[in-house]
């Protein structure tokens, strides 16, 4: 099982991720696209990196907005896995 990060580690890592916020034990971002099709195309681009990492985000789609939430469920909070996947997601357009 992945090890939980301390509050200081979480804040340090979060400061390196543009647009992401820490909400309790979750790391979140909402991305806005021109329309529903563009939002779905973005979500489809998340499949391969999530599968490769063996770490899957929770995803909410509302027309042209995609909300991504990361947490390590089996550890009960944020781990390095969450920040690694967030970094990868941040590079996807």
Protein backbone atom coordinates (compact mmCIF):
# COMPACT_ATOMS: atom_id res chain seq x y z
CA UNK A 1 0.00 0.00 0.00
CA UNK A 2 1.21 3.51 -0.81
CA UNK A 3 2.26 5.70 2.11
CA UNK A 4 0.22 8.79 2.99
CA UNK A 5 1.97 12.12 2.56
CA UNK A 6 2.25 14.56 5.45
CA UNK A 7 0.43 17.92 5.28
CA UNK A 8 3.74 19.66 4.57
CA UNK A 9 4.54 17.23 1.74
CA UNK A 10 1.06 17.69 0.29
CA UNK A 11 1.32 21.48 0.32
CA UNK A 12 4.81 21.41 -1.20
CA UNK A 13 3.72 19.11 -4.02
CA UNK A 14 0.45 20.97 -4.63
CA UNK A 15 2.33 24.25 -5.06
CA UNK A 16 4.03 22.72 -8.12
CA UNK A 17 0.72 21.89 -9.84
CA UNK A 18 -1.03 24.74 -11.61
CA UNK A 19 -4.82 24.72 -11.24
CA UNK A 20 -5.00 21.82 -8.78
CA UNK A 21 -6.40 22.28 -5.28
CA UNK A 22 -6.31 20.13 -2.18
CA UNK A 23 -9.79 19.53 -0.78
CA UNK A 24 -9.45 17.47 2.40
CA UNK A 25 -7.90 14.18 1.37
CA UNK A 26 -8.40 14.80 -2.36
CA UNK A 27 -6.55 16.56 -5.14
CA UNK A 28 -8.88 18.22 -7.66
CA UNK A 29 -8.96 20.23 -10.85
CA UNK A 30 -11.78 21.34 -13.15
CA UNK A 31 -10.93 21.82 -16.80
CA UNK A 32 -13.22 23.69 -19.20
CA UNK A 33 -13.43 22.93 -22.92
CA UNK A 34 -15.19 24.48 -25.91
CA UNK A 35 -17.96 21.87 -25.91
CA UNK A 36 -19.02 18.38 -24.82
CA UNK A 37 -17.12 16.63 -27.61
CA UNK A 38 -13.84 18.31 -26.62
CA UNK A 39 -14.46 17.38 -22.98
CA UNK A 40 -15.00 13.73 -23.89
CA UNK A 41 -11.91 13.72 -26.12
CA UNK A 42 -9.89 14.94 -23.12
CA UNK A 43 -11.34 12.24 -20.87
CA UNK A 44 -10.42 9.59 -23.46
CA UNK A 45 -6.81 10.83 -23.33
CA UNK A 46 -6.73 10.02 -19.59
CA UNK A 47 -7.29 6.28 -20.09
CA UNK A 48 -3.80 5.19 -21.13
CA UNK A 49 -1.83 7.16 -18.51
CA UNK A 50 -4.21 6.06 -15.74
CA UNK A 51 -3.96 2.42 -16.80
CA UNK A 52 -0.17 2.64 -17.08
CA UNK A 53 0.08 4.13 -13.59
CA UNK A 54 -2.45 1.67 -12.16
CA UNK A 55 -4.08 4.69 -10.54
CA UNK A 56 -7.46 5.93 -11.75
CA UNK A 57 -9.04 9.35 -11.20
CA UNK A 58 -12.65 9.95 -10.33
CA UNK A 59 -14.13 11.91 -13.24
CA UNK A 60 -17.27 14.07 -13.43
CA UNK A 61 -18.41 15.48 -16.76
CA UNK A 62 -20.88 18.34 -17.05
CA UNK A 63 -21.24 19.41 -20.68
CA UNK A 64 -17.92 21.21 -21.33
CA UNK A 65 -16.41 20.84 -17.85
CA UNK A 66 -14.41 17.89 -16.55
CA UNK A 67 -13.72 17.62 -12.84
CA UNK A 68 -10.90 15.26 -11.93
CA UNK A 69 -10.41 14.03 -8.38
CA UNK A 70 -7.45 12.01 -7.19
CA UNK A 71 -7.00 10.19 -3.91
CA UNK A 72 -5.50 6.85 -2.97
CA UNK A 73 -8.56 5.06 -1.63
CA UNK A 74 -6.77 2.08 -0.09
CA UNK A 75 -4.37 4.40 1.78
CA UNK A 76 -7.16 6.74 2.90
CA UNK A 77 -5.75 9.96 1.48
CA UNK A 78 -3.10 11.54 -0.70
CA UNK A 79 0.04 9.66 -1.72
CA UNK A 80 2.81 10.23 -4.23
CA UNK A 81 0.71 8.30 -6.78
CA UNK A 82 -1.87 11.09 -6.78
CA UNK A 83 0.67 13.81 -7.47
CA UNK A 84 2.42 11.73 -10.15
CA UNK A 85 -0.86 11.18 -12.01
CA UNK A 86 -1.86 14.83 -11.54
CA UNK A 87 1.43 15.89 -13.13
CA UNK A 88 0.75 13.63 -16.10
CA UNK A 89 -2.83 14.89 -16.45
CA UNK A 90 -1.61 18.49 -16.33
CA UNK A 91 0.38 17.86 -19.52
CA UNK A 92 -2.62 16.57 -21.48
CA UNK A 93 -4.50 19.05 -23.66
